[in-house]
PDB file of N, CA and C in Angstrom:
ATOM      1  N   ALA A   1       0.833  -1.191   0.000  1.00  0.00           N
ATOM      2  CA  ALA A   1       0.000   0.000   0.000  1.00  0.00           C
ATOM      3  C   ALA A   1       0.879   1.256   0.000  1.00  0.00           C
ATOM      4  N   LYS A   2       1.947   1.192   0.771  1.00  0.00           N
ATOM      5  CA  LYS A   2       2.854   2.334   0.868  1.00  0.00           C
ATOM      6  C   LYS A   2       3.503   2.619  -0.494  1.00  0.00           C
ATOM      7  N   GLY A   3       3.944   1.561  -1.155  1.00  0.00           N
ATOM      8  CA  GLY A   3       4.583   1.715  -2.468  1.00  0.00           C
ATOM      9  C   GLY A   3       3.603   2.213  -3.514  1.00  0.00           C
ATOM     10  N   ARG A   4       2.359   1.737  -3.455  1.00  0.00           N
ATOM     11  CA  ARG A   4       1.342   2.170  -4.405  1.00  0.00           C
ATOM     12  C   ARG A   4       1.032   3.648  -4.209  1.00  0.00           C
ATOM     13  N   ALA A   5       0.959   4.090  -2.942  1.00  0.00           N
ATOM     14  CA  ALA A   5       0.688   5.497  -2.646  1.00  0.00           C
ATOM     15  C   ALA A   5       1.823   6.374  -3.156  1.00  0.00           C
ATOM     16  N   SER A   6       3.044   5.917  -2.973  1.00  0.00           N
ATOM     17  CA  SER A   6       4.213   6.652  -3.430  1.00  0.00           C
ATOM     18  C   SER A   6       4.214   6.774  -4.957  1.00  0.00           C
ATOM     19  N   ALA A   7       3.897   5.688  -5.641  1.00  0.00           N
ATOM     20  CA  ALA A   7       3.875   5.694  -7.102  1.00  0.00           C
ATOM     21  C   ALA A   7       2.756   6.594  -7.624  1.00  0.00           C
ATOM     22  N   LYS A   8       1.619   6.565  -6.956  1.00  0.00           N
ATOM     23  CA  LYS A   8       0.503   7.400  -7.385  1.00  0.00           C
ATOM     24  C   LYS A   8       0.849   8.879  -7.262  1.00  0.00           C
ATOM     25  N   LYS A   9       1.596   9.209  -6.216  1.00  0.00           N
ATOM     26  CA  LYS A   9       2.021  10.585  -6.002  1.00  0.00           C
ATOM     27  C   LYS A   9       2.920  11.057  -7.144  1.00  0.00           C
ATOM     28  N   GLU A  10       3.705  10.132  -7.703  1.00  0.00           N
ATOM     29  CA  GLU A  10       4.600  10.457  -8.815  1.00  0.00           C
ATOM     30  C   GLU A  10       3.871  10.480 -10.157  1.00  0.00           C
ATOM     31  N   GLY A  11       2.579  10.137 -10.152  1.00  0.00           N
ATOM     32  CA  GLY A  11       1.805  10.200 -11.378  1.00  0.00           C
ATOM     33  C   GLY A  11       1.616   8.876 -12.096  1.00  0.00           C
ATOM     34  N   HIS A  12       2.044   7.766 -11.500  1.00  0.00           N
ATOM     35  CA  HIS A  12       1.859   6.452 -12.120  1.00  0.00           C
ATOM     36  C   HIS A  12       0.410   6.011 -11.959  1.00  0.00           C
ATOM     37  N   ASN A  13      -0.101   5.283 -12.915  1.00  0.00           N
ATOM     38  CA  ASN A  13      -1.452   4.764 -12.845  1.00  0.00           C
ATOM     39  C   ASN A  13      -1.376   3.246 -12.736  1.00  0.00           C
ATOM     40  N   LEU A  14      -1.300   2.733 -11.523  1.00  0.00           N
ATOM     41  CA  LEU A  14      -1.134   1.304 -11.297  1.00  0.00           C
ATOM     42  C   LEU A  14      -2.477   0.594 -11.229  1.00  0.00           C
ATOM     43  N   LYS A  15      -2.546  -0.565 -11.845  1.00  0.00           N
ATOM     44  CA  LYS A  15      -3.750  -1.378 -11.763  1.00  0.00           C
ATOM     45  C   LYS A  15      -3.621  -2.270 -10.532  1.00  0.00           C
ATOM     46  N   PRO A  16      -4.739  -2.581  -9.868  1.00  0.00           N
ATOM     47  CA  PRO A  16      -4.676  -3.448  -8.693  1.00  0.00           C
ATOM     48  C   PRO A  16      -4.388  -4.893  -9.083  1.00  0.00           C
ATOM     49  N   PRO A  17      -3.930  -5.712  -8.120  1.00  0.00           N
ATOM     50  CA  PRO A  17      -3.683  -7.128  -8.407  1.00  0.00           C
ATOM     51  C   PRO A  17      -4.964  -7.851  -8.824  1.00  0.00           C
ATOM     52  N   VAL A  18      -4.805  -8.957  -9.552  1.00  0.00           N
ATOM     53  CA  VAL A  18      -5.934  -9.768 -10.005  1.00  0.00           C
ATOM     54  C   VAL A  18      -5.911 -11.086  -9.252  1.00  0.00           C
ATOM     55  N   SER A  19      -6.990 -11.389  -8.525  1.00  0.00           N
ATOM     56  CA  SER A  19      -7.073 -12.647  -7.791  1.00  0.00           C
ATOM     57  C   SER A  19      -7.613 -13.746  -8.707  1.00  0.00           C
ATOM     58  N   LYS A  20      -7.625 -14.978  -8.215  1.00  0.00           N
ATOM     59  CA  LYS A  20      -8.126 -16.102  -9.008  1.00  0.00           C
ATOM     60  C   LYS A  20      -9.586 -15.903  -9.388  1.00  0.00           C
ATOM     61  N   GLU A  21     -10.390 -15.397  -8.441  1.00  0.00           N
ATOM     62  CA  GLU A  21     -11.818 -15.193  -8.694  1.00  0.00           C
ATOM     63  C   GLU A  21     -12.036 -14.146  -9.791  1.00  0.00           C
ATOM     64  N   GLN A  22     -11.279 -13.073  -9.742  1.00  0.00           N
ATOM     65  CA  GLN A  22     -11.403 -12.025 -10.749  1.00  0.00           C
ATOM     66  C   GLN A  22     -10.952 -12.543 -12.109  1.00  0.00           C
ATOM     67  N   ALA A  23      -9.938 -13.385 -12.117  1.00  0.00           N
ATOM     68  CA  ALA A  23      -9.404 -13.925 -13.371  1.00  0.00           C
ATOM     69  C   ALA A  23     -10.429 -14.831 -14.058  1.00  0.00           C
ATOM     70  N   LYS A  24     -11.270 -15.505 -13.279  1.00  0.00           N
ATOM     71  CA  LYS A  24     -12.287 -16.379 -13.853  1.00  0.00           C
ATOM     72  C   LYS A  24     -13.340 -15.572 -14.611  1.00  0.00           C
ATOM     73  N   LYS A  25     -13.560 -14.335 -14.198  1.00  0.00           N
ATOM     74  CA  LYS A  25     -14.598 -13.502 -14.804  1.00  0.00           C
ATOM     75  C   LYS A  25     -14.162 -12.857 -16.116  1.00  0.00           C
ATOM     76  N   SER A  26     -12.867 -12.619 -16.277  1.00  0.00           N
ATOM     77  CA  SER A  26     -12.399 -11.894 -17.459  1.00  0.00           C
ATOM     78  C   SER A  26     -11.155 -12.545 -18.057  1.00  0.00           C
ATOM     79  N   PRO A  27     -11.193 -12.897 -19.337  1.00  0.00           N
ATOM     80  CA  PRO A  27     -10.001 -13.503 -19.955  1.00  0.00           C
ATOM     81  C   PRO A  27      -8.818 -12.531 -20.021  1.00  0.00           C
ATOM     82  N   LYS A  28      -9.101 -11.246 -20.150  1.00  0.00           N
ATOM     83  CA  LYS A  28      -8.036 -10.246 -20.205  1.00  0.00           C
ATOM     84  C   LYS A  28      -7.308 -10.182 -18.853  1.00  0.00           C
ATOM     85  N   SER A  29      -8.083 -10.199 -17.762  1.00  0.00           N
ATOM     86  CA  SER A  29      -7.496 -10.192 -16.421  1.00  0.00           C
ATOM     87  C   SER A  29      -6.732 -11.487 -16.164  1.00  0.00           C
ATOM     88  N   ALA A  30      -7.276 -12.604 -16.658  1.00  0.00           N
ATOM     89  CA  ALA A  30      -6.617 -13.894 -16.477  1.00  0.00           C
ATOM     90  C   ALA A  30      -5.253 -13.904 -17.164  1.00  0.00           C
ATOM     91  N   ALA A  31      -5.179 -13.325 -18.347  1.00  0.00           N
ATOM     92  CA  ALA A  31      -3.908 -13.276 -19.082  1.00  0.00           C
ATOM     93  C   ALA A  31      -2.908 -12.392 -18.351  1.00  0.00           C
ATOM     94  N   ARG A  32      -3.381 -11.282 -17.798  1.00  0.00           N
ATOM     95  CA  ARG A  32      -2.516 -10.366 -17.052  1.00  0.00           C
ATOM     96  C   ARG A  32      -1.964 -11.054 -15.809  1.00  0.00           C
ATOM     97  N   ARG A  33      -2.831 -11.794 -15.111  1.00  0.00           N
ATOM     98  CA  ARG A  33      -2.424 -12.513 -13.907  1.00  0.00           C
ATOM     99  C   ARG A  33      -1.412 -13.618 -14.237  1.00  0.00           C
ATOM    100  N   LYS A  34      -1.673 -14.361 -15.297  1.00  0.00           N
ATOM    101  CA  LYS A  34      -0.774 -15.445 -15.701  1.00  0.00           C
ATOM    102  C   LYS A  34       0.613 -14.903 -16.022  1.00  0.00           C
ATOM    103  N   SER A  35       0.646 -13.788 -16.743  1.00  0.00           N
ATOM    104  CA  SER A  35       1.907 -13.162 -17.111  1.00  0.00           C
ATOM    105  C   SER A  35       2.666 -12.677 -15.881  1.00  0.00           C
ATOM    106  N   PHE A  36       1.948 -12.020 -14.974  1.00  0.00           N
ATOM    107  CA  PHE A  36       2.580 -11.500 -13.762  1.00  0.00           C
ATOM    108  C   PHE A  36       3.164 -12.636 -12.920  1.00  0.00           C
ATOM    109  N   CYS A  37       2.353 -13.678 -12.704  1.00  0.00           N
ATOM    110  CA  CYS A  37       2.807 -14.791 -11.861  1.00  0.00           C
ATOM    111  C   CYS A  37       4.037 -15.481 -12.457  1.00  0.00           C
ATOM    112  N   ALA A  38       4.050 -15.680 -13.761  1.00  0.00           N
ATOM    113  CA  ALA A  38       5.191 -16.318 -14.411  1.00  0.00           C
ATOM    114  C   ALA A  38       6.443 -15.461 -14.264  1.00  0.00           C
ATOM    115  N   ARG A  39       6.283 -14.151 -14.463  1.00  0.00           N
ATOM    116  CA  ARG A  39       7.425 -13.239 -14.375  1.00  0.00           C
ATOM    117  C   ARG A  39       7.968 -13.180 -12.946  1.00  0.00           C
ATOM    118  N   MET A  40       7.089 -13.076 -11.968  1.00  0.00           N
ATOM    119  CA  MET A  40       7.525 -12.951 -10.573  1.00  0.00           C
ATOM    120  C   MET A  40       8.115 -14.251 -10.033  1.00  0.00           C
ATOM    121  N   GLU A  41       7.563 -15.389 -10.436  1.00  0.00           N
ATOM    122  CA  GLU A  41       8.128 -16.676  -9.996  1.00  0.00           C
ATOM    123  C   GLU A  41       9.550 -16.813 -10.527  1.00  0.00           C
ATOM    124  N   GLY A  42       9.786 -16.371 -11.765  1.00  0.00           N
ATOM    125  CA  GLY A  42      11.130 -16.402 -12.343  1.00  0.00           C
ATOM    126  C   GLY A  42      12.086 -15.501 -11.596  1.00  0.00           C
ATOM    127  N   MET A  43      11.600 -14.324 -11.213  1.00  0.00           N
ATOM    128  CA  MET A  43      12.436 -13.389 -10.447  1.00  0.00           C
ATOM    129  C   MET A  43      12.763 -13.965  -9.077  1.00  0.00           C
ATOM    130  N   LYS A  44      11.779 -14.615  -8.486  1.00  0.00           N
ATOM    131  CA  LYS A  44      11.989 -15.194  -7.161  1.00  0.00           C
ATOM    132  C   LYS A  44      13.097 -16.248  -7.211  1.00  0.00           C
ATOM    133  N   LYS A  45      13.104 -17.041  -8.273  1.00  0.00           N
ATOM    134  CA  LYS A  45      14.123 -18.087  -8.405  1.00  0.00           C
ATOM    135  C   LYS A  45      15.512 -17.511  -8.672  1.00  0.00           C
ATOM    136  N   SER A  46      15.578 -16.508  -9.540  1.00  0.00           N
ATOM    137  CA  SER A  46      16.885 -16.040  -9.975  1.00  0.00           C
ATOM    138  C   SER A  46      17.452 -14.862  -9.199  1.00  0.00           C
ATOM    139  N   ARG A  47      16.592 -14.050  -8.582  1.00  0.00           N
ATOM    140  CA  ARG A  47      17.085 -12.802  -7.996  1.00  0.00           C
ATOM    141  C   ARG A  47      16.968 -12.692  -6.491  1.00  0.00           C
ATOM    142  N   THR A  48      16.590 -13.760  -5.823  1.00  0.00           N
ATOM    143  CA  THR A  48      16.501 -13.688  -4.371  1.00  0.00           C
ATOM    144  C   THR A  48      17.381 -14.746  -3.740  1.00  0.00           C
ATOM    145  N   SER A  49      17.825 -14.443  -2.525  1.00  0.00           N
ATOM    146  CA  SER A  49      18.610 -15.430  -1.791  1.00  0.00           C
ATOM    147  C   SER A  49      17.649 -16.475  -1.233  1.00  0.00           C
ATOM    148  N   SER A  50      18.164 -17.585  -0.767  1.00  0.00           N
ATOM    149  CA  SER A  50      17.300 -18.632  -0.219  1.00  0.00           C
ATOM    150  C   SER A  50      16.577 -18.124   1.033  1.00  0.00           C
ATOM    151  N   LYS A  51      17.228 -17.233   1.772  1.00  0.00           N
ATOM    152  CA  LYS A  51      16.605 -16.662   2.979  1.00  0.00           C
ATOM    153  C   LYS A  51      15.419 -15.780   2.587  1.00  0.00           C
ATOM    154  N   THR A  52      15.593 -14.926   1.599  1.00  0.00           N
ATOM    155  CA  THR A  52      14.525 -14.028   1.159  1.00  0.00           C
ATOM    156  C   THR A  52      13.379 -14.814   0.519  1.00  0.00           C
ATOM    157  N   ALA A  53      13.698 -15.858  -0.217  1.00  0.00           N
ATOM    158  CA  ALA A  53      12.675 -16.650  -0.889  1.00  0.00           C
ATOM    159  C   ALA A  53      11.717 -17.295   0.103  1.00  0.00           C
ATOM    160  N   LYS A  54      12.198 -17.607   1.299  1.00  0.00           N
ATOM    161  CA  LYS A  54      11.361 -18.253   2.312  1.00  0.00           C
ATOM    162  C   LYS A  54      10.727 -17.266   3.291  1.00  0.00           C
ATOM    163  N   ASP A  55      11.157 -16.020   3.263  1.00  0.00           N
ATOM    164  CA  ASP A  55      10.658 -15.000   4.191  1.00  0.00           C
ATOM    165  C   ASP A  55       9.252 -14.548   3.786  1.00  0.00           C
ATOM    166  N   PRO A  56       8.234 -14.761   4.638  1.00  0.00           N
ATOM    167  CA  PRO A  56       6.873 -14.357   4.263  1.00  0.00           C
ATOM    168  C   PRO A  56       6.686 -12.847   4.173  1.00  0.00           C
ATOM    169  N   ASN A  57       7.589 -12.065   4.762  1.00  0.00           N
ATOM    170  CA  ASN A  57       7.465 -10.615   4.735  1.00  0.00           C
ATOM    171  C   ASN A  57       8.292  -9.952   3.635  1.00  0.00           C
ATOM    172  N   SER A  58       8.923 -10.742   2.772  1.00  0.00           N
ATOM    173  CA  SER A  58       9.681 -10.134   1.674  1.00  0.00           C
ATOM    174  C   SER A  58       8.688  -9.565   0.661  1.00  0.00           C
ATOM    175  N   SER A  59       9.074  -8.520  -0.021  1.00  0.00           N
ATOM    176  CA  SER A  59       8.148  -7.855  -0.947  1.00  0.00           C
ATOM    177  C   SER A  59       7.709  -8.776  -2.083  1.00  0.00           C
ATOM    178  N   ILE A  60       8.602  -9.636  -2.540  1.00  0.00           N
ATOM    179  CA  ILE A  60       8.235 -10.534  -3.644  1.00  0.00           C
ATOM    180  C   ILE A  60       7.184 -11.545  -3.196  1.00  0.00           C
ATOM    181  N   ASN A  61       7.309 -12.070  -1.979  1.00  0.00           N
ATOM    182  CA  ASN A  61       6.322 -13.029  -1.483  1.00  0.00           C
ATOM    183  C   ASN A  61       4.995 -12.360  -1.170  1.00  0.00           C
ATOM    184  N   LYS A  62       5.032 -11.123  -0.709  1.00  0.00           N
ATOM    185  CA  LYS A  62       3.796 -10.385  -0.455  1.00  0.00           C
ATOM    186  C   LYS A  62       3.041 -10.165  -1.766  1.00  0.00           C
ATOM    187  N   SER A  63       3.752  -9.799  -2.813  1.00  0.00           N
ATOM    188  CA  SER A  63       3.091  -9.550  -4.090  1.00  0.00           C
ATOM    189  C   SER A  63       2.526 -10.846  -4.677  1.00  0.00           C
ATOM    190  N   LEU A  64       3.248 -11.940  -4.556  1.00  0.00           N
ATOM    191  CA  LEU A  64       2.749 -13.223  -5.068  1.00  0.00           C
ATOM    192  C   LEU A  64       1.497 -13.651  -4.307  1.00  0.00           C
ATOM    193  N   ARG A  65       1.441 -13.388  -3.015  1.00  0.00           N
ATOM    194  CA  ARG A  65       0.238 -13.694  -2.227  1.00  0.00           C
ATOM    195  C   ARG A  65      -0.936 -12.819  -2.657  1.00  0.00           C
ATOM    196  N   ALA A  66      -0.691 -11.552  -2.911  1.00  0.00           N
ATOM    197  CA  ALA A  66      -1.766 -10.642  -3.317  1.00  0.00           C
ATOM    198  C   ALA A  66      -2.378 -11.061  -4.645  1.00  0.00           C
ATOM    199  N   TRP A  67      -1.581 -11.665  -5.506  1.00  0.00           N
ATOM    200  CA  TRP A  67      -2.057 -12.103  -6.817  1.00  0.00           C
ATOM    201  C   TRP A  67      -2.526 -13.553  -6.813  1.00  0.00           C
ATOM    202  N   ASP A  68      -2.495 -14.236  -5.676  1.00  0.00           N
ATOM    203  CA  ASP A  68      -2.862 -15.668  -5.567  1.00  0.00           C
ATOM    204  C   ASP A  68      -2.016 -16.537  -6.482  1.00  0.00           C
ATOM    205  N   CYS A  69      -0.712 -16.279  -6.525  1.00  0.00           N
ATOM    206  CA  CYS A  69       0.174 -17.061  -7.402  1.00  0.00           C
ATOM    207  C   CYS A  69       0.640 -18.321  -6.688  1.00  0.00           C
TER     208      CYS A  69
END
């Protein structure tokens, strides 16, 4: 929430995360969610330490939870 507020202040127009239920209703949202989850899972594997990958409070894990990945 803090990061979204900061980005909005800078003029960015961020779309909210898409959950599984929302993805079932719209194919466009489902494609966006699939793309995001694939990209973030790849980042988690390649760009985080083993400690960060298991930390539930890391930003990458928080975002994956918000998107139901």
